[in-house]
């Protein structure tokens, strides 16, 4: 009878350990899902910022061309065409699913 009680005690301890593992697993799963949603939200924010920058540079280029061609303003000292190409390439790459890991510094843009 003593061995039977000892086995029952061990089985209860194993059962409690399994229950604790189940609870921890569910807590970790919820944490991972929350982090996944936060990461997706950040990527969405990055996409919106890049699109906004691209649109801003396109509008600026159009204004520069309009000022040069129609009103004889001088050519800008820092043309944006190269930076615009880099941003457009990034947006297209992100849309295709090829996210760039490195961000070009100032020497890569000009």
N, C-alpha and C. Protein backbone atom coordinates (compact mmCIF):
# COMPACT_ATOMS: atom_id res chain seq x y z
N UNK A 1 0.81 -1.19 0.00
CA UNK A 1 0.00 0.00 0.00
C UNK A 1 0.86 1.26 0.00
N UNK A 2 1.99 1.18 0.65
CA UNK A 2 2.89 2.31 0.72
C UNK A 2 3.42 2.66 -0.67
N UNK A 3 3.74 1.64 -1.45
CA UNK A 3 4.24 1.86 -2.82
C UNK A 3 3.15 2.48 -3.70
N UNK A 4 1.93 2.03 -3.50
CA UNK A 4 0.82 2.57 -4.27
C UNK A 4 0.61 4.05 -3.96
N UNK A 5 0.68 4.43 -2.71
CA UNK A 5 0.55 5.84 -2.35
C UNK A 5 1.71 6.66 -2.91
N UNK A 6 2.89 6.06 -2.89
CA UNK A 6 4.06 6.76 -3.43
C UNK A 6 3.90 6.98 -4.94
N UNK A 7 3.40 5.97 -5.65
CA UNK A 7 3.15 6.10 -7.09
C UNK A 7 2.08 7.16 -7.37
N UNK A 8 1.03 7.17 -6.56
CA UNK A 8 -0.02 8.17 -6.74
C UNK A 8 0.52 9.58 -6.51
N UNK A 9 1.37 9.74 -5.51
CA UNK A 9 1.97 11.04 -5.24
C UNK A 9 2.85 11.48 -6.41
N UNK A 10 3.64 10.55 -6.93
CA UNK A 10 4.49 10.87 -8.08
C UNK A 10 3.65 11.22 -9.31
N UNK A 11 2.57 10.49 -9.53
CA UNK A 11 1.69 10.77 -10.67
C UNK A 11 1.04 12.15 -10.53
N UNK A 12 0.63 12.50 -9.30
CA UNK A 12 0.06 13.83 -9.09
C UNK A 12 1.09 14.93 -9.36
N UNK A 13 2.33 14.69 -8.93
CA UNK A 13 3.39 15.67 -9.17
C UNK A 13 3.65 15.82 -10.66
N UNK A 14 3.65 14.70 -11.38
CA UNK A 14 3.84 14.75 -12.84
C UNK A 14 2.68 15.49 -13.49
N UNK A 15 1.47 15.22 -13.00
CA UNK A 15 0.29 15.89 -13.56
C UNK A 15 0.37 17.41 -13.34
N UNK A 16 0.79 17.84 -12.12
CA UNK A 16 0.93 19.26 -11.84
C UNK A 16 2.00 19.89 -12.74
N UNK A 17 3.09 19.17 -12.96
CA UNK A 17 4.16 19.68 -13.83
C UNK A 17 3.65 19.85 -15.26
N UNK A 18 2.89 18.86 -15.74
CA UNK A 18 2.32 18.97 -17.09
C UNK A 18 1.34 20.13 -17.19
N UNK A 19 0.51 20.32 -16.16
CA UNK A 19 -0.42 21.45 -16.17
C UNK A 19 0.34 22.78 -16.20
N UNK A 20 1.40 22.86 -15.40
CA UNK A 20 2.21 24.09 -15.40
C UNK A 20 2.85 24.33 -16.77
N UNK A 21 3.34 23.26 -17.40
CA UNK A 21 3.92 23.41 -18.74
C UNK A 21 2.87 23.88 -19.74
N UNK A 22 1.66 23.35 -19.63
CA UNK A 22 0.58 23.75 -20.53
C UNK A 22 0.27 25.24 -20.36
N UNK A 23 0.18 25.69 -19.10
CA UNK A 23 -0.10 27.10 -18.82
C UNK A 23 1.02 27.98 -19.35
N UNK A 24 2.29 27.58 -19.11
CA UNK A 24 3.43 28.35 -19.60
C UNK A 24 3.44 28.39 -21.12
N UNK A 25 3.12 27.27 -21.75
CA UNK A 25 3.08 27.21 -23.21
C UNK A 25 2.04 28.18 -23.76
N UNK A 26 0.86 28.21 -23.16
CA UNK A 26 -0.18 29.13 -23.62
C UNK A 26 0.23 30.59 -23.41
N UNK A 27 0.88 30.87 -22.28
CA UNK A 27 1.34 32.24 -22.02
C UNK A 27 2.39 32.65 -23.05
N UNK A 28 3.33 31.76 -23.35
CA UNK A 28 4.36 32.06 -24.34
C UNK A 28 3.75 32.24 -25.73
N UNK A 29 2.77 31.42 -26.06
CA UNK A 29 2.11 31.54 -27.36
C UNK A 29 1.43 32.90 -27.49
N UNK A 30 0.74 33.32 -26.44
CA UNK A 30 0.09 34.63 -26.47
C UNK A 30 1.11 35.76 -26.59
N UNK A 31 2.24 35.62 -25.91
CA UNK A 31 3.29 36.63 -25.99
C UNK A 31 3.87 36.71 -27.40
N UNK A 32 4.11 35.56 -28.02
CA UNK A 32 4.65 35.53 -29.38
C UNK A 32 3.65 36.14 -30.36
N UNK A 33 2.38 35.82 -30.22
CA UNK A 33 1.37 36.40 -31.11
C UNK A 33 1.30 37.92 -30.96
N UNK A 34 1.41 38.40 -29.73
CA UNK A 34 1.40 39.85 -29.50
C UNK A 34 2.61 40.51 -30.15
N UNK A 35 3.79 39.90 -29.99
CA UNK A 35 5.00 40.45 -30.60
C UNK A 35 4.90 40.41 -32.12
N UNK A 36 4.31 39.34 -32.65
CA UNK A 36 4.15 39.24 -34.11
C UNK A 36 3.27 40.38 -34.63
N UNK A 37 2.18 40.67 -33.93
CA UNK A 37 1.31 41.77 -34.34
C UNK A 37 2.03 43.11 -34.26
N UNK A 38 2.85 43.29 -33.21
CA UNK A 38 3.61 44.54 -33.09
C UNK A 38 4.60 44.69 -34.24
N UNK A 39 5.26 43.59 -34.61
CA UNK A 39 6.23 43.63 -35.71
C UNK A 39 5.52 43.95 -37.02
N UNK A 40 4.37 43.34 -37.26
CA UNK A 40 3.61 43.64 -38.49
C UNK A 40 3.18 45.10 -38.52
N UNK A 41 2.81 45.64 -37.36
CA UNK A 41 2.42 47.05 -37.30
C UNK A 41 3.61 47.95 -37.62
N UNK A 42 4.79 47.59 -37.10
CA UNK A 42 5.99 48.38 -37.40
C UNK A 42 6.32 48.34 -38.88
N UNK A 43 6.22 47.15 -39.49
CA UNK A 43 6.49 47.05 -40.93
C UNK A 43 5.49 47.87 -41.73
N UNK A 44 4.24 47.88 -41.29
CA UNK A 44 3.25 48.71 -41.96
C UNK A 44 3.59 50.18 -41.85
N UNK A 45 4.08 50.59 -40.66
CA UNK A 45 4.50 51.98 -40.49
C UNK A 45 5.67 52.31 -41.40
N UNK A 46 6.63 51.39 -41.52
CA UNK A 46 7.79 51.62 -42.39
C UNK A 46 7.33 51.77 -43.84
N UNK A 47 6.41 50.91 -44.26
CA UNK A 47 5.90 51.01 -45.63
C UNK A 47 5.25 52.37 -45.88
N UNK A 48 4.45 52.83 -44.93
CA UNK A 48 3.77 54.11 -45.10
C UNK A 48 4.77 55.26 -45.14
N UNK A 49 5.80 55.21 -44.31
CA UNK A 49 6.81 56.27 -44.31
C UNK A 49 7.56 56.27 -45.63
N UNK A 50 7.93 55.08 -46.12
CA UNK A 50 8.65 55.02 -47.40
C UNK A 50 7.78 55.52 -48.54
N UNK A 51 6.52 55.15 -48.55
CA UNK A 51 5.63 55.65 -49.60
C UNK A 51 5.51 57.17 -49.51
N UNK A 52 5.37 57.67 -48.28
CA UNK A 52 5.27 59.11 -48.09
C UNK A 52 6.52 59.83 -48.57
N UNK A 53 7.69 59.26 -48.28
CA UNK A 53 8.93 59.87 -48.75
C UNK A 53 9.00 59.85 -50.27
N UNK A 54 8.62 58.73 -50.84
CA UNK A 54 8.64 58.64 -52.31
C UNK A 54 7.72 59.66 -52.95
N UNK A 55 6.52 59.79 -52.41
CA UNK A 55 5.58 60.78 -52.96
C UNK A 55 6.12 62.19 -52.77
N UNK A 56 6.71 62.46 -51.60
CA UNK A 56 7.27 63.78 -51.35
C UNK A 56 8.38 64.11 -52.34
N UNK A 57 9.27 63.14 -52.61
CA UNK A 57 10.35 63.39 -53.55
C UNK A 57 9.83 63.56 -54.98
N UNK A 58 8.81 62.78 -55.34
CA UNK A 58 8.23 62.96 -56.67
C UNK A 58 7.61 64.34 -56.82
N UNK A 59 6.90 64.79 -55.80
CA UNK A 59 6.30 66.13 -55.86
C UNK A 59 7.38 67.21 -55.90
N UNK A 60 8.42 67.03 -55.10
CA UNK A 60 9.51 68.01 -55.10
C UNK A 60 10.19 68.06 -56.46
N UNK A 61 10.40 66.90 -57.06
CA UNK A 61 11.01 66.87 -58.40
C UNK A 61 10.12 67.58 -59.42
N UNK A 62 8.82 67.33 -59.33
CA UNK A 62 7.89 68.00 -60.25
C UNK A 62 7.92 69.51 -60.06
N UNK A 63 7.98 69.95 -58.81
CA UNK A 63 8.05 71.39 -58.54
C UNK A 63 9.35 71.97 -59.08
N UNK A 64 10.47 71.23 -58.88
CA UNK A 64 11.76 71.71 -59.39
C UNK A 64 11.74 71.81 -60.91
N UNK A 65 11.21 70.79 -61.57
CA UNK A 65 11.13 70.83 -63.04
C UNK A 65 10.24 71.97 -63.51
N UNK A 66 9.12 72.16 -62.85
CA UNK A 66 8.21 73.24 -63.21
C UNK A 66 8.89 74.60 -63.03
N UNK A 67 9.61 74.77 -61.91
CA UNK A 67 10.28 76.04 -61.65
C UNK A 67 11.39 76.30 -62.67
N UNK A 68 12.14 75.24 -63.01
CA UNK A 68 13.23 75.40 -63.99
C UNK A 68 12.69 75.70 -65.38
N UNK A 69 11.76 74.89 -65.83
CA UNK A 69 11.30 74.97 -67.21
C UNK A 69 10.39 76.18 -67.46
N UNK A 70 9.48 76.43 -66.56
CA UNK A 70 8.48 77.47 -66.81
C UNK A 70 8.86 78.85 -66.29
N UNK A 71 9.69 78.88 -65.26
CA UNK A 71 9.97 80.16 -64.62
C UNK A 71 11.46 80.50 -64.54
N UNK A 72 12.29 79.73 -65.23
CA UNK A 72 13.73 79.98 -65.32
C UNK A 72 14.42 80.05 -63.96
N UNK A 73 13.96 79.25 -63.02
CA UNK A 73 14.68 79.16 -61.75
C UNK A 73 15.95 78.36 -62.00
N UNK A 74 17.02 78.59 -61.22
CA UNK A 74 18.24 77.82 -61.42
C UNK A 74 18.04 76.36 -61.01
N UNK A 75 18.87 75.51 -61.58
CA UNK A 75 18.84 74.09 -61.23
C UNK A 75 19.18 73.95 -59.75
N UNK A 76 18.52 73.07 -59.02
CA UNK A 76 18.80 72.94 -57.58
C UNK A 76 20.24 72.47 -57.33
N UNK A 77 20.80 72.92 -56.22
CA UNK A 77 22.16 72.53 -55.89
C UNK A 77 22.28 71.05 -55.57
N UNK A 78 21.25 70.48 -54.98
CA UNK A 78 21.28 69.07 -54.60
C UNK A 78 20.13 68.36 -55.31
N UNK A 79 20.36 67.85 -56.51
CA UNK A 79 19.27 67.19 -57.23
C UNK A 79 18.81 65.94 -56.48
N UNK A 80 17.53 65.69 -56.54
CA UNK A 80 16.94 64.58 -55.80
C UNK A 80 16.74 63.33 -56.65
N UNK A 81 17.13 63.37 -57.91
CA UNK A 81 16.80 62.25 -58.79
C UNK A 81 17.41 60.94 -58.32
N UNK A 82 18.67 60.95 -57.86
CA UNK A 82 19.31 59.70 -57.42
C UNK A 82 18.64 59.17 -56.16
N UNK A 83 18.37 60.05 -55.22
CA UNK A 83 17.69 59.63 -53.99
C UNK A 83 16.30 59.10 -54.30
N UNK A 84 15.64 59.72 -55.24
CA UNK A 84 14.31 59.26 -55.65
C UNK A 84 14.39 57.85 -56.23
N UNK A 85 15.42 57.58 -57.05
CA UNK A 85 15.57 56.24 -57.62
C UNK A 85 15.81 55.20 -56.54
N UNK A 86 16.63 55.55 -55.54
CA UNK A 86 16.90 54.61 -54.45
C UNK A 86 15.62 54.32 -53.67
N UNK A 87 14.86 55.36 -53.36
CA UNK A 87 13.61 55.15 -52.62
C UNK A 87 12.60 54.35 -53.43
N UNK A 88 12.50 54.65 -54.71
CA UNK A 88 11.57 53.91 -55.56
C UNK A 88 11.97 52.44 -55.64
N UNK A 89 13.27 52.16 -55.76
CA UNK A 89 13.74 50.77 -55.80
C UNK A 89 13.42 50.05 -54.50
N UNK A 90 13.58 50.74 -53.37
CA UNK A 90 13.25 50.13 -52.08
C UNK A 90 11.77 49.80 -51.99
N UNK A 91 10.93 50.72 -52.43
CA UNK A 91 9.48 50.49 -52.36
C UNK A 91 9.08 49.32 -53.25
N UNK A 92 9.65 49.26 -54.44
CA UNK A 92 9.34 48.15 -55.36
C UNK A 92 9.83 46.84 -54.78
N UNK A 93 11.05 46.84 -54.21
CA UNK A 93 11.59 45.61 -53.62
C UNK A 93 10.73 45.15 -52.45
N UNK A 94 10.29 46.08 -51.62
CA UNK A 94 9.45 45.71 -50.49
C UNK A 94 8.11 45.17 -50.96
N UNK A 95 7.57 45.74 -52.03
CA UNK A 95 6.30 45.26 -52.56
C UNK A 95 6.43 43.85 -53.11
N UNK A 96 7.60 43.52 -53.63
CA UNK A 96 7.83 42.16 -54.14
C UNK A 96 8.22 41.19 -53.04
N UNK A 97 8.46 41.70 -51.84
CA UNK A 97 8.80 40.82 -50.73
C UNK A 97 10.28 40.70 -50.47
N UNK A 98 11.10 41.45 -51.17
CA UNK A 98 12.54 41.41 -50.96
C UNK A 98 12.93 42.61 -50.12
N UNK A 99 12.87 42.46 -48.81
CA UNK A 99 13.15 43.57 -47.90
C UNK A 99 14.66 43.72 -47.78
N UNK A 100 15.13 44.94 -47.98
CA UNK A 100 16.55 45.20 -47.85
C UNK A 100 16.91 45.33 -46.38
N UNK A 101 18.03 44.70 -45.99
CA UNK A 101 18.45 44.76 -44.60
C UNK A 101 19.34 45.96 -44.32
N UNK A 102 20.10 46.39 -45.33
CA UNK A 102 21.01 47.51 -45.10
C UNK A 102 20.39 48.80 -45.59
N UNK A 103 20.61 49.83 -44.82
CA UNK A 103 20.10 51.15 -45.19
C UNK A 103 21.27 51.95 -45.74
N UNK A 104 21.17 52.48 -46.96
CA UNK A 104 22.31 53.20 -47.52
C UNK A 104 22.58 54.48 -46.75
N UNK A 105 23.87 54.78 -46.63
CA UNK A 105 24.22 56.04 -45.98
C UNK A 105 24.30 57.12 -47.03
N UNK A 106 24.72 58.30 -46.64
CA UNK A 106 24.74 59.44 -47.56
C UNK A 106 25.61 59.21 -48.78
N UNK A 107 26.71 58.47 -48.64
CA UNK A 107 27.60 58.26 -49.79
C UNK A 107 26.98 57.33 -50.83
N UNK A 108 26.07 56.44 -50.40
CA UNK A 108 25.43 55.53 -51.35
C UNK A 108 24.37 56.24 -52.18
N UNK A 109 23.82 57.31 -51.67
CA UNK A 109 22.69 57.97 -52.32
C UNK A 109 23.15 58.89 -53.43
N UNK A 110 24.23 59.59 -53.24
CA UNK A 110 24.65 60.60 -54.22
C UNK A 110 25.48 60.04 -55.30
